[in-house]
Amino acid sequence: MRTTLALALLALLAAACGGGAETADTSAPAAGNASDDVTRCASFDPHCDEELAPDTVELRGIQFSPPRLEVSAGTTVTFANLDPVPHTVTAGTPDAPVAATFDEDLAADETVTITFDEAGEVAYFCVVHPGAMQATIVVS
C-alpha cells in the first residue's frame, strides 16, 4: 500500500511539474525574496541553471535546494514549497528529530520563514520524505 501511494504521489509530482524553466511571478513575492525576476526550474529539469533568491531554500522535486546554505547569525531564511505535495521543515535528522526547535508544515505553494540566531550547523529534514529530503543551514 505504501509503495503504491508513493508511486502515485511521484507520478502526480512529475505530471504537475513538467519540464523547462519558468520565471517566478513577482507580483506578490514571498517574504524575504528579492522583487526582481528569479529563474525557477521545473522540479525535474536537470539542465536548468537556476538562481535562488538570497537566503531562500526551495522545496521542489522532493529535495531541498540548496542542500547546504550558509548564513550569518540573525538571518531569516525563507522555505518555499514549490512541489504540488506537502512537506515539512523539521529540525534534526530522521533518526534524531528536534521538533521543539522548529517543525513547520508546508502545503503546496506555501512559504514559511525561520530565523537562525545561534552559530553552528542546523540539520533539518522532511518528515514526509525523510530518505530524500535532508539538508543543513550553517550559521556563522
C-alpha atoms as a PDB file:
ATOM      1  CA  MET A   1       0.000   0.000   0.000  1.00  0.00           C
ATOM      2  CA  ARG A   2       2.788   2.467   0.892  1.00  0.00           C
ATOM      3  CA  THR A   3       4.668   1.669  -2.327  1.00  0.00           C
ATOM      4  CA  THR A   4       1.521   2.225  -4.394  1.00  0.00           C
ATOM      5  CA  LEU A   5       0.828   5.529  -2.621  1.00  0.00           C
ATOM      6  CA  ALA A   6       4.439   6.661  -3.067  1.00  0.00           C
ATOM      7  CA  LEU A   7       4.354   5.818  -6.787  1.00  0.00           C
ATOM      8  CA  ALA A   8       1.046   7.642  -7.199  1.00  0.00           C
ATOM      9  CA  LEU A   9       2.442  10.753  -5.471  1.00  0.00           C
ATOM     10  CA  LEU A  10       5.584  10.626  -7.599  1.00  0.00           C
ATOM     11  CA  ALA A  11       3.516  10.358 -10.791  1.00  0.00           C
ATOM     12  CA  LEU A  12       1.382  13.308  -9.661  1.00  0.00           C
ATOM     13  CA  LEU A  13       4.501  15.329  -8.910  1.00  0.00           C
ATOM     14  CA  ALA A  14       6.051  14.557 -12.294  1.00  0.00           C
ATOM     15  CA  ALA A  15       2.852  15.439 -14.164  1.00  0.00           C
ATOM     16  CA  ALA A  16       2.343  18.680 -12.250  1.00  0.00           C
ATOM     17  CA  CYS A  17       5.921  19.924 -12.570  1.00  0.00           C
ATOM     18  CA  GLY A  18       6.586  19.361 -16.274  1.00  0.00           C
ATOM     19  CA  GLY A  19       9.919  20.429 -17.763  1.00  0.00           C
ATOM     20  CA  GLY A  20      11.840  23.563 -18.581  1.00  0.00           C
ATOM     21  CA  ALA A  21      12.304  26.796 -16.667  1.00  0.00           C
ATOM     22  CA  GLU A  22       9.750  29.379 -15.780  1.00  0.00           C
ATOM     23  CA  THR A  23      10.009  32.901 -14.416  1.00  0.00           C
ATOM     24  CA  ALA A  24       8.644  33.433 -10.932  1.00  0.00           C
ATOM     25  CA  ASP A  25       5.566  35.613 -10.555  1.00  0.00           C
ATOM     26  CA  THR A  26       6.953  38.726  -8.912  1.00  0.00           C
ATOM     27  CA  SER A  27       3.603  40.446  -8.380  1.00  0.00           C
ATOM     28  CA  ALA A  28       3.484  39.032  -4.834  1.00  0.00           C
ATOM     29  CA  PRO A  29       6.941  37.803  -3.865  1.00  0.00           C
ATOM     30  CA  ALA A  30       7.276  35.594  -0.813  1.00  0.00           C
ATOM     31  CA  ALA A  31       8.641  37.216   2.323  1.00  0.00           C
ATOM     32  CA  GLY A  32      12.390  37.615   2.092  1.00  0.00           C
ATOM     33  CA  ASN A  33      12.500  37.110  -1.698  1.00  0.00           C
ATOM     34  CA  ALA A  34      14.006  39.695  -3.986  1.00  0.00           C
ATOM     35  CA  SER A  35      11.451  41.557  -6.062  1.00  0.00           C
ATOM     36  CA  ASP A  36      13.362  41.071  -9.330  1.00  0.00           C
ATOM     37  CA  ASP A  37      12.790  38.068 -11.615  1.00  0.00           C
ATOM     38  CA  VAL A  38      14.198  34.821 -10.239  1.00  0.00           C
ATOM     39  CA  THR A  39      14.612  31.831 -12.531  1.00  0.00           C
ATOM     40  CA  ARG A  40      12.815  28.811 -11.106  1.00  0.00           C
ATOM     41  CA  CYS A  41      13.291  25.385 -12.602  1.00  0.00           C
ATOM     42  CA  ALA A  42      10.675  22.747 -13.005  1.00  0.00           C
ATOM     43  CA  SER A  43      11.072  20.058 -10.377  1.00  0.00           C
ATOM     44  CA  PHE A  44      12.792  17.512 -12.605  1.00  0.00           C
ATOM     45  CA  ASP A  45      14.791  19.703 -15.003  1.00  0.00           C
ATOM     46  CA  PRO A  46      18.441  18.644 -14.528  1.00  0.00           C
ATOM     47  CA  HIS A  47      19.718  21.199 -17.073  1.00  0.00           C
ATOM     48  CA  CYS A  48      18.286  24.387 -15.588  1.00  0.00           C
ATOM     49  CA  ASP A  49      20.819  26.944 -14.381  1.00  0.00           C
ATOM     50  CA  GLU A  50      18.724  28.425 -11.621  1.00  0.00           C
ATOM     51  CA  GLU A  51      19.100  31.489  -9.458  1.00  0.00           C
ATOM     52  CA  LEU A  52      17.638  31.330  -5.976  1.00  0.00           C
ATOM     53  CA  ALA A  53      16.577  34.397  -4.066  1.00  0.00           C
ATOM     54  CA  PRO A  54      19.030  35.206  -1.265  1.00  0.00           C
ATOM     55  CA  ASP A  55      18.517  33.286   1.985  1.00  0.00           C
ATOM     56  CA  THR A  56      15.917  31.018   0.385  1.00  0.00           C
ATOM     57  CA  VAL A  57      15.575  27.243   0.399  1.00  0.00           C
ATOM     58  CA  GLU A  58      13.236  25.811  -2.211  1.00  0.00           C
ATOM     59  CA  LEU A  59      11.441  22.510  -1.681  1.00  0.00           C
ATOM     60  CA  ARG A  60      10.997  21.042  -5.150  1.00  0.00           C
ATOM     61  CA  GLY A  61      11.481  17.701  -6.809  1.00  0.00           C
ATOM     62  CA  ILE A  62      11.371  16.082  -3.355  1.00  0.00           C
ATOM     63  CA  GLN A  63      14.617  17.911  -2.448  1.00  0.00           C
ATOM     64  CA  PHE A  64      15.813  20.947  -0.522  1.00  0.00           C
ATOM     65  CA  SER A  65      17.653  23.363  -2.802  1.00  0.00           C
ATOM     66  CA  PRO A  66      20.321  24.234  -1.882  1.00  0.00           C
ATOM     67  CA  PRO A  67      21.064  21.257   0.356  1.00  0.00           C
ATOM     68  CA  ARG A  68      23.538  23.405   2.344  1.00  0.00           C
ATOM     69  CA  LEU A  69      23.014  27.111   2.971  1.00  0.00           C
ATOM     70  CA  GLU A  70      25.483  29.381   4.795  1.00  0.00           C
ATOM     71  CA  VAL A  71      24.056  32.429   6.603  1.00  0.00           C
ATOM     72  CA  SER A  72      25.078  34.911   9.275  1.00  0.00           C
ATOM     73  CA  ALA A  73      23.555  34.764  12.748  1.00  0.00           C
ATOM     74  CA  GLY A  74      20.238  36.617  12.831  1.00  0.00           C
ATOM     75  CA  THR A  75      19.352  35.750   9.217  1.00  0.00           C
ATOM     76  CA  THR A  76      15.754  34.885   8.399  1.00  0.00           C
ATOM     77  CA  VAL A  77      15.588  32.065   5.854  1.00  0.00           C
ATOM     78  CA  THR A  78      12.533  31.571   3.642  1.00  0.00           C
ATOM     79  CA  PHE A  79      11.484  27.992   2.868  1.00  0.00           C
ATOM     80  CA  ALA A  80       9.256  27.828  -0.232  1.00  0.00           C
ATOM     81  CA  ASN A  81       7.400  24.637  -1.186  1.00  0.00           C
ATOM     82  CA  LEU A  82       7.239  24.615  -4.990  1.00  0.00           C
ATOM     83  CA  ASP A  83       6.085  20.975  -5.141  1.00  0.00           C
ATOM     84  CA  PRO A  84       2.415  20.025  -5.568  1.00  0.00           C
ATOM     85  CA  VAL A  85       2.695  17.842  -2.434  1.00  0.00           C
ATOM     86  CA  PRO A  86       3.082  18.772   1.248  1.00  0.00           C
ATOM     87  CA  HIS A  87       6.440  18.771   3.034  1.00  0.00           C
ATOM     88  CA  THR A  88       7.817  19.675   6.447  1.00  0.00           C
ATOM     89  CA  VAL A  89      10.887  21.574   7.578  1.00  0.00           C
ATOM     90  CA  THR A  90      11.830  19.805  10.807  1.00  0.00           C
ATOM     91  CA  ALA A  91      14.993  20.375  12.856  1.00  0.00           C
ATOM     92  CA  GLY A  92      17.313  17.410  13.361  1.00  0.00           C
ATOM     93  CA  THR A  93      17.605  14.204  11.374  1.00  0.00           C
ATOM     94  CA  PRO A  94      15.140  11.385  10.696  1.00  0.00           C
ATOM     95  CA  ASP A  95      16.855   9.348  13.437  1.00  0.00           C
ATOM     96  CA  ALA A  96      17.005  12.249  15.895  1.00  0.00           C
ATOM     97  CA  PRO A  97      14.347  14.912  15.236  1.00  0.00           C
ATOM     98  CA  VAL A  98      14.422  18.093  17.313  1.00  0.00           C
ATOM     99  CA  ALA A  99      10.889  19.285  16.596  1.00  0.00           C
ATOM    100  CA  ALA A 100      10.978  21.572  19.637  1.00  0.00           C
ATOM    101  CA  THR A 101      13.495  23.743  17.717  1.00  0.00           C
ATOM    102  CA  PHE A 102      11.296  24.050  14.602  1.00  0.00           C
ATOM    103  CA  ASP A 103       8.789  21.816  12.852  1.00  0.00           C
ATOM    104  CA  GLU A 104       6.863  23.553  10.087  1.00  0.00           C
ATOM    105  CA  ASP A 105       4.264  22.032   7.744  1.00  0.00           C
ATOM    106  CA  LEU A 106       4.215  23.435   4.216  1.00  0.00           C
ATOM    107  CA  ALA A 107       1.364  22.769   1.821  1.00  0.00           C
ATOM    108  CA  ALA A 108       1.942  23.166  -1.921  1.00  0.00           C
ATOM    109  CA  ASP A 109       2.911  26.763  -2.848  1.00  0.00           C
ATOM    110  CA  GLU A 110       3.287  27.747   0.800  1.00  0.00           C
ATOM    111  CA  THR A 111       6.247  29.525   2.406  1.00  0.00           C
ATOM    112  CA  VAL A 112       7.495  29.807   5.955  1.00  0.00           C
ATOM    113  CA  THR A 113      10.352  31.804   7.472  1.00  0.00           C
ATOM    114  CA  ILE A 114      12.703  30.746  10.253  1.00  0.00           C
ATOM    115  CA  THR A 115      15.308  32.981  11.896  1.00  0.00           C
ATOM    116  CA  PHE A 116      18.666  31.426  12.789  1.00  0.00           C
ATOM    117  CA  ASP A 117      20.227  33.319  15.716  1.00  0.00           C
ATOM    118  CA  GLU A 118      22.877  30.948  17.058  1.00  0.00           C
ATOM    119  CA  ALA A 119      26.120  29.973  15.301  1.00  0.00           C
ATOM    120  CA  GLY A 120      26.552  26.326  14.346  1.00  0.00           C
ATOM    121  CA  GLU A 121      25.227  23.708  11.945  1.00  0.00           C
ATOM    122  CA  VAL A 122      21.495  23.069  11.943  1.00  0.00           C
ATOM    123  CA  ALA A 123      20.402  19.839  10.281  1.00  0.00           C
ATOM    124  CA  TYR A 124      16.810  19.584   9.083  1.00  0.00           C
ATOM    125  CA  PHE A 125      14.646  17.177   7.085  1.00  0.00           C
ATOM    126  CA  CYS A 126      11.161  16.491   5.750  1.00  0.00           C
ATOM    127  CA  VAL A 127       9.095  14.120   7.913  1.00  0.00           C
ATOM    128  CA  VAL A 128       7.065  13.089   4.834  1.00  0.00           C
ATOM    129  CA  HIS A 129      10.172  12.265   2.726  1.00  0.00           C
ATOM    130  CA  PRO A 130      12.973  11.611   5.267  1.00  0.00           C
ATOM    131  CA  GLY A 131      15.103   9.465   2.954  1.00  0.00           C
ATOM    132  CA  ALA A 132      15.183  12.016   0.143  1.00  0.00           C
ATOM    133  CA  MET A 133      14.968  15.356   1.920  1.00  0.00           C
ATOM    134  CA  GLN A 134      17.764  16.250   4.349  1.00  0.00           C
ATOM    135  CA  ALA A 135      19.773  19.476   4.421  1.00  0.00           C
ATOM    136  CA  THR A 136      21.846  21.810   6.571  1.00  0.00           C
ATOM    137  CA  ILE A 137      21.932  25.501   7.479  1.00  0.00           C
ATOM    138  CA  VAL A 138      25.405  26.696   8.556  1.00  0.00           C
ATOM    139  CA  VAL A 139      25.168  29.769  10.785  1.00  0.00           C
ATOM    140  CA  SER A 140      28.300  31.869  11.419  1.00  0.00           C
END
